Amino acid sequence: MDFRQHWTTLAGLIMSALLTVGFLSSGIPKLMDAEVPAIEFAIWGYPKWMQYFVGIAEVLGALAIWHRYTMRWGFLMLAVVV
């Protein structure tokens, strides 16, 4: 493995890890029906099921980006949610 390929792989892993941490820390409170996301969704006028839908999409997308075969779908799911 040459120098450039090594750093490209490492950068991809770091970015995937940061995205995973960010989306898991955002999705899990929505699934646990934490107070802040519940209030925010109510203020924005979204139904309660939308909070759970977004939380599930964030968690599944964050986990899907780690598997080679589901990576594209994971990034697509996260892009739609954002």
C-alpha atoms as a PDB file:
ATOM      1  CA  MET A   1       0.000   0.000   0.000  1.00  0.00           C
ATOM      2  CA  ASP A   2       1.522   3.311  -0.999  1.00  0.00           C
ATOM      3  CA  PHE A   3       1.524   6.454   1.117  1.00  0.00           C
ATOM      4  CA  ARG A   4      -1.421   8.174  -0.597  1.00  0.00           C
ATOM      5  CA  GLN A   5      -3.659   5.117  -0.479  1.00  0.00           C
ATOM      6  CA  HIS A   6      -2.894   4.634   3.223  1.00  0.00           C
ATOM      7  CA  TRP A   7      -3.895   8.207   4.099  1.00  0.00           C
ATOM      8  CA  THR A   8      -6.986   8.095   1.907  1.00  0.00           C
ATOM      9  CA  THR A   9      -8.157   4.946   3.698  1.00  0.00           C
ATOM     10  CA  LEU A  10      -7.389   6.460   7.091  1.00  0.00           C
ATOM     11  CA  ALA A  11      -9.232   9.684   6.225  1.00  0.00           C
ATOM     12  CA  GLY A  12     -12.269   7.664   5.118  1.00  0.00           C
ATOM     13  CA  LEU A  13     -12.308   5.741   8.385  1.00  0.00           C
ATOM     14  CA  ILE A  14     -12.027   8.916  10.430  1.00  0.00           C
ATOM     15  CA  MET A  15     -14.852  10.590   8.507  1.00  0.00           C
ATOM     16  CA  SER A  16     -17.047   7.493   8.871  1.00  0.00           C
ATOM     17  CA  ALA A  17     -16.368   7.408  12.605  1.00  0.00           C
ATOM     18  CA  LEU A  18     -17.226  11.096  13.010  1.00  0.00           C
ATOM     19  CA  LEU A  19     -20.436  10.706  11.009  1.00  0.00           C
ATOM     20  CA  THR A  20     -21.403   7.638  13.023  1.00  0.00           C
ATOM     21  CA  VAL A  21     -20.864   9.374  16.355  1.00  0.00           C
ATOM     22  CA  GLY A  22     -22.765  12.442  15.190  1.00  0.00           C
ATOM     23  CA  PHE A  23     -25.774  10.616  13.812  1.00  0.00           C
ATOM     24  CA  LEU A  24     -25.959   8.115  16.677  1.00  0.00           C
ATOM     25  CA  SER A  25     -25.838  10.925  19.231  1.00  0.00           C
ATOM     26  CA  SER A  26     -28.647  12.634  17.326  1.00  0.00           C
ATOM     27  CA  GLY A  27     -30.776   9.561  16.549  1.00  0.00           C
ATOM     28  CA  ILE A  28     -30.731   7.718  19.861  1.00  0.00           C
ATOM     29  CA  PRO A  29     -32.379  10.546  21.869  1.00  0.00           C
ATOM     30  CA  LYS A  30     -35.149  10.702  19.272  1.00  0.00           C
ATOM     31  CA  LEU A  31     -35.802   6.984  19.696  1.00  0.00           C
ATOM     32  CA  MET A  32     -35.708   7.251  23.482  1.00  0.00           C
ATOM     33  CA  ASP A  33     -38.295  10.058  23.313  1.00  0.00           C
ATOM     34  CA  ALA A  34     -36.013  12.510  25.093  1.00  0.00           C
ATOM     35  CA  GLU A  35     -37.537  15.818  26.097  1.00  0.00           C
ATOM     36  CA  VAL A  36     -35.608  18.131  23.747  1.00  0.00           C
ATOM     37  CA  PRO A  37     -36.295  16.334  20.445  1.00  0.00           C
ATOM     38  CA  ALA A  38     -39.934  15.835  21.436  1.00  0.00           C
ATOM     39  CA  ILE A  39     -40.353  19.555  22.114  1.00  0.00           C
ATOM     40  CA  GLU A  40     -38.528  20.521  18.918  1.00  0.00           C
ATOM     41  CA  PHE A  41     -40.667  18.264  16.737  1.00  0.00           C
ATOM     42  CA  ALA A  42     -43.819  19.581  18.431  1.00  0.00           C
ATOM     43  CA  ILE A  43     -42.758  23.219  17.890  1.00  0.00           C
ATOM     44  CA  TRP A  44     -42.005  22.504  14.236  1.00  0.00           C
ATOM     45  CA  GLY A  45     -45.464  20.965  13.854  1.00  0.00           C
ATOM     46  CA  TYR A  46     -44.309  17.453  12.932  1.00  0.00           C
ATOM     47  CA  PRO A  47     -46.274  14.416  14.114  1.00  0.00           C
ATOM     48  CA  LYS A  48     -44.820  12.149  16.781  1.00  0.00           C
ATOM     49  CA  TRP A  49     -44.192   9.300  14.323  1.00  0.00           C
ATOM     50  CA  MET A  50     -41.868  11.576  12.333  1.00  0.00           C
ATOM     51  CA  GLN A  51     -39.546  11.841  15.347  1.00  0.00           C
ATOM     52  CA  TYR A  52     -39.231   8.063  15.501  1.00  0.00           C
ATOM     53  CA  PHE A  53     -38.851   7.772  11.729  1.00  0.00           C
ATOM     54  CA  VAL A  54     -35.984  10.285  11.679  1.00  0.00           C
ATOM     55  CA  GLY A  55     -34.357   8.611  14.688  1.00  0.00           C
ATOM     56  CA  ILE A  56     -34.510   5.175  13.064  1.00  0.00           C
ATOM     57  CA  ALA A  57     -33.139   6.551   9.784  1.00  0.00           C
ATOM     58  CA  GLU A  58     -30.259   8.254  11.585  1.00  0.00           C
ATOM     59  CA  VAL A  59     -29.294   5.174  13.582  1.00  0.00           C
ATOM     60  CA  LEU A  60     -29.632   2.747  10.658  1.00  0.00           C
ATOM     61  CA  GLY A  61     -27.775   5.093   8.322  1.00  0.00           C
ATOM     62  CA  ALA A  62     -24.954   5.565  10.833  1.00  0.00           C
ATOM     63  CA  LEU A  63     -24.534   1.803  11.156  1.00  0.00           C
ATOM     64  CA  ALA A  64     -24.970   1.084   7.439  1.00  0.00           C
ATOM     65  CA  ILE A  65     -22.003   3.214   6.374  1.00  0.00           C
ATOM     66  CA  TRP A  66     -19.641   0.688   7.948  1.00  0.00           C
ATOM     67  CA  HIS A  67     -20.582  -2.250   5.738  1.00  0.00           C
ATOM     68  CA  ARG A  68     -19.341  -2.371   2.175  1.00  0.00           C
ATOM     69  CA  TYR A  69     -22.627  -3.561   0.682  1.00  0.00           C
ATOM     70  CA  THR A  70     -24.882  -1.131   2.560  1.00  0.00           C
ATOM     71  CA  MET A  71     -22.640   1.935   2.498  1.00  0.00           C
ATOM     72  CA  ARG A  72     -24.395   3.614  -0.434  1.00  0.00           C
ATOM     73  CA  TRP A  73     -27.827   3.084   1.077  1.00  0.00           C
ATOM     74  CA  GLY A  74     -26.594   4.358   4.428  1.00  0.00           C
ATOM     75  CA  PHE A  75     -25.247   7.573   2.942  1.00  0.00           C
ATOM     76  CA  LEU A  76     -28.419   8.000   0.891  1.00  0.00           C
ATOM     77  CA  MET A  77     -30.570   7.507   3.992  1.00  0.00           C
ATOM     78  CA  LEU A  78     -28.542  10.072   5.933  1.00  0.00           C
ATOM     79  CA  ALA A  79     -28.665  12.537   3.054  1.00  0.00           C
ATOM     80  CA  VAL A  80     -32.469  12.271   2.871  1.00  0.00           C
ATOM     81  CA  VAL A  81     -32.835  12.768   6.617  1.00  0.00           C
ATOM     82  CA  VAL A  82     -30.560  15.791   6.709  1.00  0.00           C
END
